[in-house]
Amino acid sequence: MSPFQALVLGIIQGLSELLPISSSAHLYAIPILLHWPYAGLAFDVALHWGTLLALVAAFWGDWWTMLRDMLSGAPAPRAAAWRLSGKLTLGTLPAAIAGLLLGERTEMLLRSLPLQAATLAVFGLLLWWVDRSAPSNRTGTPGWLGAIGMGAAQALALVPGVSRSGITITAGRAIGQDRVSAARFSFLLATPITFGAGLIELRHLPHSLPLGTLAIGIAAAAVTGFFAIRGLLAWLGRAGFGWFFAYRLLFAGVLLAAAVHMR
């Protein structure tokens, strides 16, 4: 893999992981469409260190406030911080357990372009429909059941094409969270699972990949991911998911055409 290819894939990771369009589908399909070698799932997960940096940078204030208040002497802030910590912990467990159980089967699913096309279309439709149909009567952090529900939805993102941010926001909207609140909790929920997945996959990185090339990809993912987060939150303050659904349908069509051509 060349430094240029790592740069392009890092940009793709930063955008597609944090926008509701599925990074796994893009990181596998784009190299195929461009006739580049696929670096493997371990490299894809390594790029998540870039989006992890973006998440931490974008929500540093939230994490710092939670940690500070957990140690605070004031009962109300301390209780609220521990509740948020508990919700994030419970919400992380379903995806962590599913990831450990599925293991390398995820990469087998990744190699099916028709499957990715189907999940891009179906879950894009679900996001758009739920967003249009559900009320927006809850702001802030979801309740315990809502947090567990969004965490369970996050586990579905192990299937390529689903989109981690897309499915968790869908679950948040389904329980009545407004768009921005659902997206913010989705991003907070992404942080621990991204960190854990990155640690696990480090040992699978190919030794032939230069550290400089990997650093370029991670840096590109971090920068584009940060702006993707800020851009999505600003967008959701005034609009919905229609354009994302349209893009997912278009990309699904491209993948189906590629699958037919490869037969």
C-alpha atoms as a PDB file:
ATOM      1  CA  MET A   1       0.000   0.000   0.000  1.00  0.00           C
ATOM      2  CA  SER A   2       1.332   3.423  -0.979  1.00  0.00           C
ATOM      3  CA  PRO A   3       1.167   6.514   1.252  1.00  0.00           C
ATOM      4  CA  PHE A   4      -1.325   8.034  -1.221  1.00  0.00           C
ATOM      5  CA  GLN A   5      -3.624   5.032  -0.932  1.00  0.00           C
ATOM      6  CA  ALA A   6      -3.413   5.211   2.865  1.00  0.00           C
ATOM      7  CA  LEU A   7      -4.287   8.915   2.708  1.00  0.00           C
ATOM      8  CA  VAL A   8      -7.355   8.267   0.547  1.00  0.00           C
ATOM      9  CA  LEU A   9      -8.544   5.389   2.711  1.00  0.00           C
ATOM     10  CA  GLY A  10      -7.993   7.460   5.861  1.00  0.00           C
ATOM     11  CA  ILE A  11     -10.187  10.230   4.449  1.00  0.00           C
ATOM     12  CA  ILE A  12     -12.819   7.663   3.502  1.00  0.00           C
ATOM     13  CA  GLN A  13     -12.672   6.171   7.001  1.00  0.00           C
ATOM     14  CA  GLY A  14     -13.048   9.541   8.701  1.00  0.00           C
ATOM     15  CA  LEU A  15     -16.100  10.431   6.641  1.00  0.00           C
ATOM     16  CA  SER A  16     -17.872   7.093   6.356  1.00  0.00           C
ATOM     17  CA  GLU A  17     -17.388   5.924   9.958  1.00  0.00           C
ATOM     18  CA  LEU A  18     -18.909   9.018  11.500  1.00  0.00           C
ATOM     19  CA  LEU A  19     -21.510   9.832   8.856  1.00  0.00           C
ATOM     20  CA  PRO A  20     -24.333   7.236   8.619  1.00  0.00           C
ATOM     21  CA  ILE A  21     -23.042   5.608   5.421  1.00  0.00           C
ATOM     22  CA  SER A  22     -20.927   2.620   6.647  1.00  0.00           C
ATOM     23  CA  SER A  23     -17.142   2.668   6.755  1.00  0.00           C
ATOM     24  CA  SER A  24     -16.775  -1.116   6.389  1.00  0.00           C
ATOM     25  CA  ALA A  25     -18.539  -1.106   3.021  1.00  0.00           C
ATOM     26  CA  HIS A  26     -16.463   1.791   1.736  1.00  0.00           C
ATOM     27  CA  LEU A  27     -13.085   0.545   2.987  1.00  0.00           C
ATOM     28  CA  TYR A  28     -13.597  -2.806   1.278  1.00  0.00           C
ATOM     29  CA  ALA A  29     -15.367  -1.705  -1.896  1.00  0.00           C
ATOM     30  CA  ILE A  30     -13.379   1.412  -2.794  1.00  0.00           C
ATOM     31  CA  PRO A  31     -10.045  -0.452  -3.206  1.00  0.00           C
ATOM     32  CA  ILE A  32     -11.830  -3.038  -5.363  1.00  0.00           C
ATOM     33  CA  LEU A  33     -13.410  -0.350  -7.545  1.00  0.00           C
ATOM     34  CA  LEU A  34     -10.038   1.417  -7.898  1.00  0.00           C
ATOM     35  CA  HIS A  35      -8.180  -1.878  -8.466  1.00  0.00           C
ATOM     36  CA  TRP A  36      -6.086  -1.417  -5.343  1.00  0.00           C
ATOM     37  CA  PRO A  37      -5.051  -4.304  -3.096  1.00  0.00           C
ATOM     38  CA  TYR A  38      -7.293  -4.722  -0.069  1.00  0.00           C
ATOM     39  CA  ALA A  39      -5.115  -4.279   3.034  1.00  0.00           C
ATOM     40  CA  GLY A  40      -7.348  -6.390   5.263  1.00  0.00           C
ATOM     41  CA  LEU A  41      -9.710  -5.928   8.172  1.00  0.00           C
ATOM     42  CA  ALA A  42      -6.851  -5.271  10.600  1.00  0.00           C
ATOM     43  CA  PHE A  43      -5.778  -2.185   8.623  1.00  0.00           C
ATOM     44  CA  ASP A  44      -9.394  -1.010   8.452  1.00  0.00           C
ATOM     45  CA  VAL A  45      -9.709  -1.307  12.219  1.00  0.00           C
ATOM     46  CA  ALA A  46      -6.339   0.414  12.698  1.00  0.00           C
ATOM     47  CA  LEU A  47      -7.766   3.429  10.860  1.00  0.00           C
ATOM     48  CA  HIS A  48     -10.359   3.546  13.632  1.00  0.00           C
ATOM     49  CA  TRP A  49      -7.598   4.968  15.846  1.00  0.00           C
ATOM     50  CA  GLY A  50      -7.937   8.066  13.695  1.00  0.00           C
ATOM     51  CA  THR A  51     -11.679   8.286  14.226  1.00  0.00           C
ATOM     52  CA  LEU A  52     -11.095   7.609  17.922  1.00  0.00           C
ATOM     53  CA  LEU A  53      -8.860  10.679  18.031  1.00  0.00           C
ATOM     54  CA  ALA A  54     -11.600  12.634  16.256  1.00  0.00           C
ATOM     55  CA  LEU A  55     -14.224  11.465  18.755  1.00  0.00           C
ATOM     56  CA  VAL A  56     -12.054  12.357  21.747  1.00  0.00           C
ATOM     57  CA  ALA A  57     -11.221  15.781  20.295  1.00  0.00           C
ATOM     58  CA  ALA A  58     -14.845  16.566  19.441  1.00  0.00           C
ATOM     59  CA  PHE A  59     -16.249  15.433  22.793  1.00  0.00           C
ATOM     60  CA  TRP A  60     -13.333  16.146  25.084  1.00  0.00           C
ATOM     61  CA  GLY A  61     -15.484  18.497  27.146  1.00  0.00           C
ATOM     62  CA  ASP A  62     -18.155  15.832  27.682  1.00  0.00           C
ATOM     63  CA  TRP A  63     -15.647  13.201  28.806  1.00  0.00           C
ATOM     64  CA  TRP A  64     -13.781  15.617  31.058  1.00  0.00           C
ATOM     65  CA  THR A  65     -17.005  16.818  32.681  1.00  0.00           C
ATOM     66  CA  MET A  66     -18.151  13.252  33.299  1.00  0.00           C
ATOM     67  CA  LEU A  67     -14.834  12.202  34.856  1.00  0.00           C
ATOM     68  CA  ARG A  68     -14.603  15.359  36.935  1.00  0.00           C
ATOM     69  CA  ASP A  69     -18.164  15.040  38.213  1.00  0.00           C
ATOM     70  CA  MET A  70     -17.704  11.365  39.060  1.00  0.00           C
ATOM     71  CA  LEU A  71     -15.143  12.509  41.623  1.00  0.00           C
ATOM     72  CA  SER A  72     -17.082  15.596  42.651  1.00  0.00           C
ATOM     73  CA  GLY A  73     -18.285  16.133  46.189  1.00  0.00           C
ATOM     74  CA  ALA A  74     -21.624  17.511  44.990  1.00  0.00           C
ATOM     75  CA  PRO A  75     -24.220  14.701  45.047  1.00  0.00           C
ATOM     76  CA  ALA A  76     -26.303  15.739  42.005  1.00  0.00           C
ATOM     77  CA  PRO A  77     -23.456  16.083  39.449  1.00  0.00           C
ATOM     78  CA  ARG A  78     -21.772  12.966  40.815  1.00  0.00           C
ATOM     79  CA  ALA A  79     -24.946  10.896  40.477  1.00  0.00           C
ATOM     80  CA  ALA A  80     -25.559  12.176  36.933  1.00  0.00           C
ATOM     81  CA  ALA A  81     -21.981  11.400  35.885  1.00  0.00           C
ATOM     82  CA  TRP A  82     -22.124   7.865  37.283  1.00  0.00           C
ATOM     83  CA  ARG A  83     -25.458   7.286  35.518  1.00  0.00           C
ATOM     84  CA  LEU A  84     -23.937   8.373  32.202  1.00  0.00           C
ATOM     85  CA  SER A  85     -20.897   6.160  32.797  1.00  0.00           C
ATOM     86  CA  GLY A  86     -23.170   3.208  33.560  1.00  0.00           C
ATOM     87  CA  LYS A  87     -25.279   3.781  30.464  1.00  0.00           C
ATOM     88  CA  LEU A  88     -22.198   3.926  28.244  1.00  0.00           C
ATOM     89  CA  THR A  89     -20.824   0.760  29.853  1.00  0.00           C
ATOM     90  CA  LEU A  90     -24.075  -1.162  29.371  1.00  0.00           C
ATOM     91  CA  GLY A  91     -24.447   0.209  25.850  1.00  0.00           C
ATOM     92  CA  THR A  92     -20.946  -0.976  24.933  1.00  0.00           C
ATOM     93  CA  LEU A  93     -21.374  -4.556  26.143  1.00  0.00           C
ATOM     94  CA  PRO A  94     -23.596  -5.936  23.303  1.00  0.00           C
ATOM     95  CA  ALA A  95     -21.176  -4.883  20.539  1.00  0.00           C
ATOM     96  CA  ALA A  96     -18.143  -6.028  22.547  1.00  0.00           C
ATOM     97  CA  ILE A  97     -19.650  -9.479  23.127  1.00  0.00           C
ATOM     98  CA  ALA A  98     -20.814  -9.794  19.521  1.00  0.00           C
ATOM     99  CA  GLY A  99     -17.374  -8.775  18.250  1.00  0.00           C
ATOM    100  CA  LEU A 100     -15.630 -11.398  20.368  1.00  0.00           C
ATOM    101  CA  LEU A 101     -18.086 -14.101  19.283  1.00  0.00           C
ATOM    102  CA  LEU A 102     -18.013 -13.309  15.574  1.00  0.00           C
ATOM    103  CA  GLY A 103     -14.266 -12.782  15.320  1.00  0.00           C
ATOM    104  CA  GLU A 104     -12.970 -13.380  11.814  1.00  0.00           C
ATOM    105  CA  ARG A 105     -16.429 -14.170  10.437  1.00  0.00           C
ATOM    106  CA  THR A 106     -16.882 -10.433  10.042  1.00  0.00           C
ATOM    107  CA  GLU A 107     -14.239 -10.380   7.312  1.00  0.00           C
ATOM    108  CA  MET A 108     -16.041 -13.201   5.484  1.00  0.00           C
ATOM    109  CA  LEU A 109     -19.230 -11.119   5.453  1.00  0.00           C
ATOM    110  CA  LEU A 110     -17.213  -8.141   4.283  1.00  0.00           C
ATOM    111  CA  ARG A 111     -16.338  -9.860   1.029  1.00  0.00           C
ATOM    112  CA  SER A 112     -19.962 -10.102  -0.145  1.00  0.00           C
ATOM    113  CA  LEU A 113     -20.757  -7.025  -2.246  1.00  0.00           C
ATOM    114  CA  PRO A 114     -24.450  -8.025  -2.691  1.00  0.00           C
ATOM    115  CA  LEU A 115     -24.810  -8.294   1.101  1.00  0.00           C
ATOM    116  CA  GLN A 116     -23.279  -4.852   1.558  1.00  0.00           C
ATOM    117  CA  ALA A 117     -25.536  -3.400  -1.122  1.00  0.00           C
ATOM    118  CA  ALA A 118     -28.597  -4.888   0.590  1.00  0.00           C
ATOM    119  CA  THR A 119     -27.676  -3.640   4.057  1.00  0.00           C
ATOM    120  CA  LEU A 120     -26.792  -0.181   2.743  1.00  0.00           C
ATOM    121  CA  ALA A 121     -30.215   0.127   1.127  1.00  0.00           C
ATOM    122  CA  VAL A 122     -32.333  -1.521   3.831  1.00  0.00           C
ATOM    123  CA  PHE A 123     -30.786   0.190   6.844  1.00  0.00           C
ATOM    124  CA  GLY A 124     -30.611   3.498   4.991  1.00  0.00           C
ATOM    125  CA  LEU A 125     -34.356   3.222   4.363  1.00  0.00           C
ATOM    126  CA  LEU A 126     -34.905   2.317   8.018  1.00  0.00           C
ATOM    127  CA  LEU A 127     -32.947   5.367   9.206  1.00  0.00           C
ATOM    128  CA  TRP A 128     -34.872   7.707   6.909  1.00  0.00           C
ATOM    129  CA  TRP A 129     -38.290   6.205   7.735  1.00  0.00           C
ATOM    130  CA  VAL A 130     -37.760   6.106  11.516  1.00  0.00           C
ATOM    131  CA  ASP A 131     -36.460   9.670  11.502  1.00  0.00           C
ATOM    132  CA  ARG A 132     -39.551  10.883   9.623  1.00  0.00           C
ATOM    133  CA  SER A 133     -41.984   8.855  11.744  1.00  0.00           C
ATOM    134  CA  ALA A 134     -40.660   9.081  15.303  1.00  0.00           C
ATOM    135  CA  PRO A 135     -41.356  11.990  17.642  1.00  0.00           C
ATOM    136  CA  SER A 136     -38.574  14.255  18.880  1.00  0.00           C
ATOM    137  CA  ASN A 137     -39.755  14.688  22.447  1.00  0.00           C
ATOM    138  CA  ARG A 138     -36.573  13.702  24.302  1.00  0.00           C
ATOM    139  CA  THR A 139     -33.352  15.636  24.595  1.00  0.00           C
ATOM    140  CA  GLY A 140     -30.088  14.911  26.342  1.00  0.00           C
ATOM    141  CA  THR A 141     -29.005  11.427  27.371  1.00  0.00           C
ATOM    142  CA  PRO A 142     -31.448   8.533  26.820  1.00  0.00           C
ATOM    143  CA  GLY A 143     -32.749   6.502  29.750  1.00  0.00           C
ATOM    144  CA  TRP A 144     -31.344   3.146  30.802  1.00  0.00           C
ATOM    145  CA  LEU A 145     -33.505   1.099  28.433  1.00  0.00           C
ATOM    146  CA  GLY A 146     -32.806   3.529  25.604  1.00  0.00           C
ATOM    147  CA  ALA A 147     -29.050   3.294  26.187  1.00  0.00           C
ATOM    148  CA  ILE A 148     -29.215  -0.506  26.181  1.00  0.00           C
ATOM    149  CA  GLY A 149     -31.324  -0.402  23.014  1.00  0.00           C
ATOM    150  CA  MET A 150     -28.842   1.835  21.236  1.00  0.00           C
ATOM    151  CA  GLY A 151     -26.036  -0.440  22.429  1.00  0.00           C
ATOM    152  CA  ALA A 152     -27.811  -3.517  21.094  1.00  0.00           C
ATOM    153  CA  ALA A 153     -28.286  -1.732  17.779  1.00  0.00           C
ATOM    154  CA  GLN A 154     -24.556  -0.942  17.728  1.00  0.00           C
ATOM    155  CA  ALA A 155     -23.837  -4.675  17.701  1.00  0.00           C
ATOM    156  CA  LEU A 156     -25.643  -4.924  14.331  1.00  0.00           C
ATOM    157  CA  ALA A 157     -22.980  -2.663  12.839  1.00  0.00           C
ATOM    158  CA  LEU A 158     -20.624  -5.661  12.750  1.00  0.00           C
ATOM    159  CA  VAL A 159     -22.538  -6.622   9.599  1.00  0.00           C
ATOM    160  CA  PRO A 160     -20.884  -4.657   6.755  1.00  0.00           C
ATOM    161  CA  GLY A 161     -23.035  -1.931   5.237  1.00  0.00           C
ATOM    162  CA  VAL A 162     -25.214  -1.370   8.300  1.00  0.00           C
ATOM    163  CA  SER A 163     -23.255   1.673   9.631  1.00  0.00           C
ATOM    164  CA  ARG A 164     -22.532   1.996  13.327  1.00  0.00           C
ATOM    165  CA  SER A 165     -23.532   5.641  13.530  1.00  0.00           C
ATOM    166  CA  GLY A 166     -26.550   5.054  11.301  1.00  0.00           C
ATOM    167  CA  ILE A 167     -28.048   2.164  13.270  1.00  0.00           C
ATOM    168  CA  THR A 168     -27.442   3.722  16.692  1.00  0.00           C
ATOM    169  CA  ILE A 169     -28.998   7.019  15.592  1.00  0.00           C
ATOM    170  CA  THR A 170     -31.926   5.024  14.177  1.00  0.00           C
ATOM    171  CA  ALA A 171     -32.410   3.367  17.564  1.00  0.00           C
ATOM    172  CA  GLY A 172     -32.133   6.722  19.311  1.00  0.00           C
ATOM    173  CA  ARG A 173     -34.734   8.299  17.048  1.00  0.00           C
ATOM    174  CA  ALA A 174     -37.019   5.277  17.520  1.00  0.00           C
ATOM    175  CA  ILE A 175     -37.189   5.970  21.272  1.00  0.00           C
ATOM    176  CA  GLY A 176     -37.966   9.644  20.686  1.00  0.00           C
ATOM    177  CA  GLN A 177     -34.537  11.259  21.042  1.00  0.00           C
ATOM    178  CA  ASP A 178     -34.195  14.329  18.868  1.00  0.00           C
ATOM    179  CA  ARG A 179     -31.668  14.075  16.045  1.00  0.00           C
ATOM    180  CA  VAL A 180     -28.811  15.916  17.709  1.00  0.00           C
ATOM    181  CA  SER A 181     -29.232  14.125  21.058  1.00  0.00           C
ATOM    182  CA  ALA A 182     -29.338  10.724  19.332  1.00  0.00           C
ATOM    183  CA  ALA A 183     -26.208  11.566  17.328  1.00  0.00           C
ATOM    184  CA  ARG A 184     -24.300  12.879  20.359  1.00  0.00           C
ATOM    185  CA  PHE A 185     -24.996   9.757  22.426  1.00  0.00           C
ATOM    186  CA  SER A 186     -24.142   7.622  19.398  1.00  0.00           C
ATOM    187  CA  PHE A 187     -20.725   9.287  19.208  1.00  0.00           C
ATOM    188  CA  LEU A 188     -20.116   8.910  22.936  1.00  0.00           C
ATOM    189  CA  LEU A 189     -21.088   5.244  22.643  1.00  0.00           C
ATOM    190  CA  ALA A 190     -18.638   4.808  19.764  1.00  0.00           C
ATOM    191  CA  THR A 191     -15.612   5.855  21.806  1.00  0.00           C
ATOM    192  CA  PRO A 192     -15.085   2.842  24.124  1.00  0.00           C
ATOM    193  CA  ILE A 193     -15.950   0.223  21.478  1.00  0.00           C
ATOM    194  CA  THR A 194     -13.613   1.863  18.946  1.00  0.00           C
ATOM    195  CA  PHE A 195     -10.807   1.903  21.507  1.00  0.00           C
ATOM    196  CA  GLY A 196     -11.338  -1.769  22.369  1.00  0.00           C
ATOM    197  CA  ALA A 197     -11.525  -2.915  18.752  1.00  0.00           C
ATOM    198  CA  GLY A 198      -8.375  -0.984  17.925  1.00  0.00           C
ATOM    199  CA  LEU A 199      -6.450  -2.673  20.740  1.00  0.00           C
ATOM    200  CA  ILE A 200      -7.585  -6.157  19.736  1.00  0.00           C
ATOM    201  CA  GLU A 201      -6.740  -5.738  16.057  1.00  0.00           C
ATOM    202  CA  LEU A 202      -3.285  -4.222  16.586  1.00  0.00           C
ATOM    203  CA  ARG A 203      -1.743  -7.688  16.735  1.00  0.00           C
ATOM    204  CA  HIS A 204      -3.144  -8.544  13.300  1.00  0.00           C
ATOM    205  CA  LEU A 205      -1.565  -5.620  11.469  1.00  0.00           C
ATOM    206  CA  PRO A 206       0.696  -6.792   8.632  1.00  0.00           C
ATOM    207  CA  HIS A 207       4.364  -6.331   9.547  1.00  0.00           C
ATOM    208  CA  SER A 208       5.098  -5.299   5.965  1.00  0.00           C
ATOM    209  CA  LEU A 209       3.036  -2.117   6.328  1.00  0.00           C
ATOM    210  CA  PRO A 210       5.365   0.857   7.008  1.00  0.00           C
ATOM    211  CA  LEU A 211       4.515   2.788  10.156  1.00  0.00           C
ATOM    212  CA  GLY A 212       4.712   6.046   8.213  1.00  0.00           C
ATOM    213  CA  THR A 213       2.048   4.852   5.776  1.00  0.00           C
ATOM    214  CA  LEU A 214      -0.191   3.755   8.638  1.00  0.00           C
ATOM    215  CA  ALA A 215       0.334   7.110  10.389  1.00  0.00           C
ATOM    216  CA  ILE A 216      -0.779   8.958   7.251  1.00  0.00           C
ATOM    217  CA  GLY A 217      -4.018   6.963   7.145  1.00  0.00           C
ATOM    218  CA  ILE A 218      -4.714   7.480  10.853  1.00  0.00           C
ATOM    219  CA  ALA A 219      -3.998  11.221  10.666  1.00  0.00           C
ATOM    220  CA  ALA A 220      -6.263  11.617   7.635  1.00  0.00           C
ATOM    221  CA  ALA A 221      -9.046   9.715   9.425  1.00  0.00           C
ATOM    222  CA  ALA A 222      -8.645  11.897  12.521  1.00  0.00           C
ATOM    223  CA  VAL A 223      -8.850  15.219  10.687  1.00  0.00           C
ATOM    224  CA  THR A 224     -11.726  14.293   8.371  1.00  0.00           C
ATOM    225  CA  GLY A 225     -13.528  12.501  11.200  1.00  0.00           C
ATOM    226  CA  PHE A 226     -13.442  15.589  13.409  1.00  0.00           C
ATOM    227  CA  PHE A 227     -15.006  17.734  10.693  1.00  0.00           C
ATOM    228  CA  ALA A 228     -17.514  14.975   9.864  1.00  0.00           C
ATOM    229  CA  ILE A 229     -18.729  14.997  13.472  1.00  0.00           C
ATOM    230  CA  ARG A 230     -19.065  18.768  13.595  1.00  0.00           C
ATOM    231  CA  GLY A 231     -20.685  18.843  10.171  1.00  0.00           C
ATOM    232  CA  LEU A 232     -23.220  16.126  10.978  1.00  0.00           C
ATOM    233  CA  LEU A 233     -24.292  17.729  14.258  1.00  0.00           C
ATOM    234  CA  ALA A 234     -24.738  21.078  12.512  1.00  0.00           C
ATOM    235  CA  TRP A 235     -26.659  19.421   9.667  1.00  0.00           C
ATOM    236  CA  LEU A 236     -28.989  17.531  12.005  1.00  0.00           C
ATOM    237  CA  GLY A 237     -29.845  20.760  13.761  1.00  0.00           C
ATOM    238  CA  ARG A 238     -31.773  21.803  10.655  1.00  0.00           C
ATOM    239  CA  ALA A 239     -32.285  18.773   8.378  1.00  0.00           C
ATOM    240  CA  GLY A 240     -32.783  15.018   8.331  1.00  0.00           C
ATOM    241  CA  PHE A 241     -31.328  11.934   6.659  1.00  0.00           C
ATOM    242  CA  GLY A 242     -32.842  12.060   3.176  1.00  0.00           C
ATOM    243  CA  TRP A 243     -29.550  12.835   1.425  1.00  0.00           C
ATOM    244  CA  PHE A 244     -27.745  10.086   3.323  1.00  0.00           C
ATOM    245  CA  PHE A 245     -30.442   7.591   2.303  1.00  0.00           C
ATOM    246  CA  ALA A 246     -30.118   8.699  -1.328  1.00  0.00           C
ATOM    247  CA  TYR A 247     -26.345   8.294  -1.198  1.00  0.00           C
ATOM    248  CA  ARG A 248     -26.634   4.832   0.344  1.00  0.00           C
ATOM    249  CA  LEU A 249     -28.985   3.761  -2.435  1.00  0.00           C
ATOM    250  CA  LEU A 250     -26.604   5.116  -5.061  1.00  0.00           C
ATOM    251  CA  PHE A 251     -23.588   3.376  -3.524  1.00  0.00           C
ATOM    252  CA  ALA A 252     -25.596   0.141  -3.193  1.00  0.00           C
ATOM    253  CA  GLY A 253     -26.282   0.314  -6.917  1.00  0.00           C
ATOM    254  CA  VAL A 254     -22.566   0.777  -7.627  1.00  0.00           C
ATOM    255  CA  LEU A 255     -21.731  -2.284  -5.501  1.00  0.00           C
ATOM    256  CA  LEU A 256     -24.333  -4.415  -7.257  1.00  0.00           C
ATOM    257  CA  ALA A 257     -22.997  -3.365 -10.635  1.00  0.00           C
ATOM    258  CA  ALA A 258     -19.451  -4.192  -9.496  1.00  0.00           C
ATOM    259  CA  ALA A 259     -20.601  -7.601  -8.222  1.00  0.00           C
ATOM    260  CA  VAL A 260     -22.224  -8.415 -11.572  1.00  0.00           C
ATOM    261  CA  HIS A 261     -19.129  -7.252 -13.470  1.00  0.00           C
ATOM    262  CA  MET A 262     -16.842  -9.434 -11.322  1.00  0.00           C
ATOM    263  CA  ARG A 263     -18.742 -12.651 -12.062  1.00  0.00           C
END
